[in-house]
Amino acid sequence: MEDPDSAARKAVPAADAALVAGCRSGDPASLDRFFRTYARIVERVIARVVGPTPDLEDLVQNTFISAMQGFARYRGEASLKTWVTRIAIHVALRQLRGGVRRAVPLELVPAAQEPRDAEPSADRALSDHQLAQRVHQLLDQIAPKKRVAFLLYTVEDHSIEEVAALTGAGKAATKSRIWFARRELMAMVRGRPELRDLTSALGGDAWR
């Protein structure tokens, strides 16, 4: 009978396996490559789930500290990208449960990570900023697990199965969280025509 650990290792892409081996041994070059490869992904996910906060850099660092401490337990059931994203989501959830500081301008994601028009107008920049501000004011009223599932599904465009895997929940629970988050947000928007654009900002047809 094949050793389960051996089977898991075979499932890991060769590049991931080599990187994991180097990180497990504490090789500085491997650890640096791991960080450089996944830092922007981790930052984007946390920024979109938590929203703008002066603690973003600390949350990214906490994610990589947890990952580096957890390499010994990595079995290759998921890709490194999925694995580190899952850690980032758990870090974000802890932050949401503890309360998020909002001492920076509200934007959906770090400015450096979003494509920009060559010459964005001042009116559009102001409109985007105001929309983002309203989005997070509403999202802050949604329970963390529902908020995370909803944003992974509508903003990050993951499937129900992927959201379930990333959050460690079952498919039924994931669907329920997304549905309730949607319903709560719709209730907040109802009767407030100035927030109608939120439906396109957070999933469009998924709100119907």
Protein backbone atom coordinates (compact mmCIF):
# COMPACT_ATOMS: atom_id res chain seq x y z
CA MET A 1 0.00 0.00 0.00
CA GLU A 2 1.27 3.47 -0.92
CA ASP A 3 2.29 5.76 1.90
CA PRO A 4 -0.29 8.62 2.16
CA ASP A 5 2.47 11.21 2.57
CA SER A 6 4.14 9.88 -0.55
CA ALA A 7 0.88 10.13 -2.48
CA ALA A 8 0.38 13.70 -1.30
CA ARG A 9 3.88 14.66 -2.36
CA LYS A 10 3.23 13.27 -5.85
CA ALA A 11 0.20 15.56 -6.11
CA VAL A 12 2.32 18.65 -5.49
CA PRO A 13 3.63 20.33 -8.69
CA ALA A 14 7.38 19.93 -9.01
CA ALA A 15 8.02 23.67 -8.67
CA ASP A 16 5.89 23.84 -5.52
CA ALA A 17 7.58 20.75 -4.07
CA ALA A 18 11.04 22.23 -4.55
CA LEU A 19 9.95 25.54 -3.06
CA VAL A 20 8.31 23.83 -0.07
CA ALA A 21 11.40 21.72 0.56
CA GLY A 22 13.58 24.83 0.55
CA CYS A 23 11.21 26.71 2.88
CA ARG A 24 11.02 23.78 5.27
CA SER A 25 14.80 23.74 5.51
CA GLY A 26 14.89 27.48 6.17
CA ASP A 27 16.67 28.30 2.92
CA PRO A 28 16.66 32.13 2.67
CA ALA A 29 16.38 32.15 -1.13
CA SER A 30 13.34 29.85 -1.03
CA LEU A 31 11.65 31.87 1.69
CA ASP A 32 12.29 35.07 -0.26
CA ARG A 33 10.91 33.54 -3.47
CA PHE A 34 7.83 32.28 -1.63
CA PHE A 35 7.14 35.77 -0.30
CA ARG A 36 7.77 37.51 -3.62
CA THR A 37 5.58 35.02 -5.50
CA TYR A 38 2.53 35.28 -3.25
CA ALA A 39 2.77 38.66 -1.47
CA ARG A 40 0.59 40.55 -3.94
CA ILE A 41 -2.02 37.78 -3.98
CA VAL A 42 -2.18 37.76 -0.18
CA GLU A 43 -2.35 41.56 0.01
CA ARG A 44 -5.15 41.73 -2.57
CA VAL A 45 -7.26 39.09 -0.85
CA ILE A 46 -6.88 40.61 2.60
CA ALA A 47 -7.53 44.14 1.29
CA ARG A 48 -10.71 43.07 -0.44
CA VAL A 49 -11.99 41.01 2.47
CA VAL A 50 -11.03 43.33 5.34
CA GLY A 51 -11.19 46.63 3.50
CA PRO A 52 -8.80 49.56 3.90
CA THR A 53 -6.93 49.54 7.18
CA PRO A 54 -3.56 50.80 8.41
CA ASP A 55 -3.01 47.23 9.64
CA LEU A 56 -2.85 45.76 6.12
CA GLU A 57 0.93 45.35 6.09
CA ASP A 58 0.84 43.65 9.50
CA LEU A 59 -1.89 41.28 8.31
CA VAL A 60 0.18 40.32 5.27
CA GLN A 61 3.21 39.71 7.48
CA ASN A 62 1.12 37.63 9.91
CA THR A 63 -0.06 35.52 6.99
CA PHE A 64 3.49 34.72 5.91
CA ILE A 65 4.63 34.08 9.46
CA SER A 66 1.80 31.55 9.84
CA ALA A 67 2.66 30.00 6.49
CA MET A 68 6.35 29.68 7.28
CA GLN A 69 5.52 28.11 10.62
CA GLY A 70 3.11 25.75 8.92
CA PHE A 71 5.29 24.33 6.14
CA ALA A 72 5.94 21.21 8.21
CA ARG A 73 2.20 20.47 8.07
CA TYR A 74 1.77 21.19 4.36
CA ARG A 75 0.80 17.92 2.67
CA GLY A 76 0.13 19.13 -0.86
CA GLU A 77 -3.63 18.52 -0.92
CA ALA A 78 -3.91 22.01 -2.44
CA SER A 79 -1.57 24.20 -4.46
CA LEU A 80 0.68 26.61 -2.58
CA LYS A 81 -1.42 29.49 -3.89
CA THR A 82 -4.62 27.99 -2.49
CA TRP A 83 -2.90 27.05 0.77
CA VAL A 84 -1.47 30.52 1.44
CA THR A 85 -4.75 32.16 0.35
CA ARG A 86 -6.58 30.02 2.89
CA ILE A 87 -4.19 31.21 5.60
CA ALA A 88 -4.74 34.83 4.52
CA ILE A 89 -8.49 34.40 4.79
CA HIS A 90 -8.22 33.03 8.32
CA VAL A 91 -5.98 35.97 9.28
CA ALA A 92 -8.55 38.34 7.77
CA LEU A 93 -11.40 36.64 9.65
CA ARG A 94 -9.60 37.07 12.96
CA GLN A 95 -9.11 40.75 12.19
CA LEU A 96 -12.78 41.22 11.28
CA ARG A 97 -13.90 39.54 14.48
CA GLY A 98 -11.64 41.77 16.54
CA GLY A 99 -12.68 44.96 14.78
CA VAL A 100 -10.97 46.77 11.91
CA ARG A 101 -9.30 50.15 12.22
CA ARG A 102 -10.39 52.56 9.49
CA ALA A 103 -7.76 55.29 9.71
CA VAL A 104 -6.98 55.36 5.97
CA PRO A 105 -9.06 56.42 2.94
CA LEU A 106 -11.61 53.78 2.01
CA GLU A 107 -10.75 51.98 -1.22
CA LEU A 108 -11.61 48.48 -2.42
CA VAL A 109 -8.01 47.37 -2.95
CA PRO A 110 -4.51 48.89 -2.69
CA ALA A 111 -4.13 51.45 -5.45
CA ALA A 112 -0.97 49.83 -6.85
CA GLN A 113 -2.84 46.62 -7.60
CA GLU A 114 -5.74 47.99 -9.63
CA PRO A 115 -5.50 48.74 -13.35
CA ARG A 116 -6.03 52.44 -14.04
CA ASP A 117 -7.14 54.41 -17.04
CA ALA A 118 -4.32 56.33 -18.66
CA GLU A 119 -5.93 59.65 -17.64
CA PRO A 120 -8.62 59.08 -15.01
CA SER A 121 -10.83 62.10 -14.48
CA ALA A 122 -11.07 63.80 -11.10
CA ASP A 123 -14.84 63.23 -11.10
CA ARG A 124 -14.43 59.53 -11.70
CA ALA A 125 -11.76 59.19 -9.01
CA LEU A 126 -14.03 60.92 -6.51
CA SER A 127 -16.99 58.78 -7.54
CA ASP A 128 -14.99 55.55 -7.18
CA HIS A 129 -13.73 56.63 -3.78
CA GLN A 130 -17.23 57.49 -2.55
CA LEU A 131 -18.61 54.21 -3.84
CA ALA A 132 -15.84 52.26 -2.12
CA GLN A 133 -16.49 54.14 1.10
CA ARG A 134 -20.17 53.22 1.02
CA VAL A 135 -19.39 49.61 0.14
CA HIS A 136 -17.26 49.13 3.23
CA GLN A 137 -19.64 51.01 5.47
CA LEU A 138 -22.26 48.44 4.53
CA LEU A 139 -19.95 45.43 4.62
CA ASP A 140 -18.82 46.32 8.14
CA GLN A 141 -22.38 45.54 9.24
CA ILE A 142 -22.23 41.97 7.89
CA ALA A 143 -21.02 39.10 10.09
CA PRO A 144 -17.41 38.14 9.19
CA LYS A 145 -18.08 34.63 7.85
CA LYS A 146 -20.92 35.83 5.64
CA ARG A 147 -18.94 38.85 4.48
CA VAL A 148 -15.89 36.76 3.56
CA ALA A 149 -17.90 34.13 1.66
CA PHE A 150 -19.82 36.83 -0.22
CA LEU A 151 -16.71 38.78 -1.24
CA LEU A 152 -14.79 35.69 -2.32
CA TYR A 153 -17.75 34.70 -4.48
CA THR A 154 -18.73 38.06 -5.98
CA VAL A 155 -15.51 40.10 -6.00
CA GLU A 156 -12.80 37.43 -6.21
CA ASP A 157 -15.03 35.38 -8.56
CA HIS A 158 -14.45 32.01 -6.87
CA SER A 159 -16.94 29.19 -7.32
CA ILE A 160 -19.04 27.93 -4.41
CA GLU A 161 -16.71 24.92 -4.18
CA GLU A 162 -13.61 27.12 -4.10
CA VAL A 163 -15.08 29.44 -1.46
CA ALA A 164 -15.97 26.40 0.66
CA ALA A 165 -12.42 25.06 0.35
CA LEU A 166 -10.81 28.41 1.13
CA THR A 167 -12.95 29.03 4.21
CA GLY A 168 -13.06 25.45 5.48
CA ALA A 169 -16.86 25.35 5.29
CA GLY A 170 -19.24 22.93 3.60
CA LYS A 171 -20.95 23.82 0.33
CA ALA A 172 -24.35 24.18 1.98
CA ALA A 173 -23.00 26.52 4.67
CA THR A 174 -21.15 28.53 2.03
CA LYS A 175 -24.26 28.98 -0.10
CA SER A 176 -26.22 29.99 2.98
CA ARG A 177 -23.64 32.59 4.03
CA ILE A 178 -23.56 34.13 0.55
CA TRP A 179 -27.35 34.20 0.34
CA PHE A 180 -27.80 35.83 3.75
CA ALA A 181 -25.04 38.39 3.08
CA ARG A 182 -26.71 39.28 -0.20
CA ARG A 183 -30.09 39.61 1.46
CA GLU A 184 -28.74 41.83 4.24
CA LEU A 185 -26.94 44.08 1.76
CA MET A 186 -30.03 44.35 -0.42
CA ALA A 187 -32.05 45.34 2.63
CA MET A 188 -29.54 48.10 3.40
CA VAL A 189 -29.61 49.40 -0.19
CA ARG A 190 -33.39 49.21 -0.58
CA GLY A 191 -34.94 52.64 -0.44
CA ARG A 192 -31.56 54.34 -0.97
CA PRO A 193 -31.31 55.04 -4.72
CA GLU A 194 -27.93 56.73 -4.26
CA LEU A 195 -26.50 53.28 -3.44
CA ARG A 196 -27.95 51.55 -6.48
CA ASP A 197 -24.51 51.30 -8.09
CA LEU A 198 -23.48 48.90 -5.32
CA THR A 199 -25.23 46.09 -7.18
CA SER A 200 -22.82 46.42 -10.08
CA ALA A 201 -19.84 46.95 -7.80
CA LEU A 202 -20.51 43.74 -5.89
CA GLY A 203 -21.54 41.09 -8.30
CA GLY A 204 -24.18 42.60 -10.56
CA ASP A 205 -26.53 39.79 -11.56
CA ALA A 206 -25.62 37.82 -8.43
CA TRP A 207 -27.80 40.24 -6.45
CA ARG A 208 -30.98 39.31 -8.32
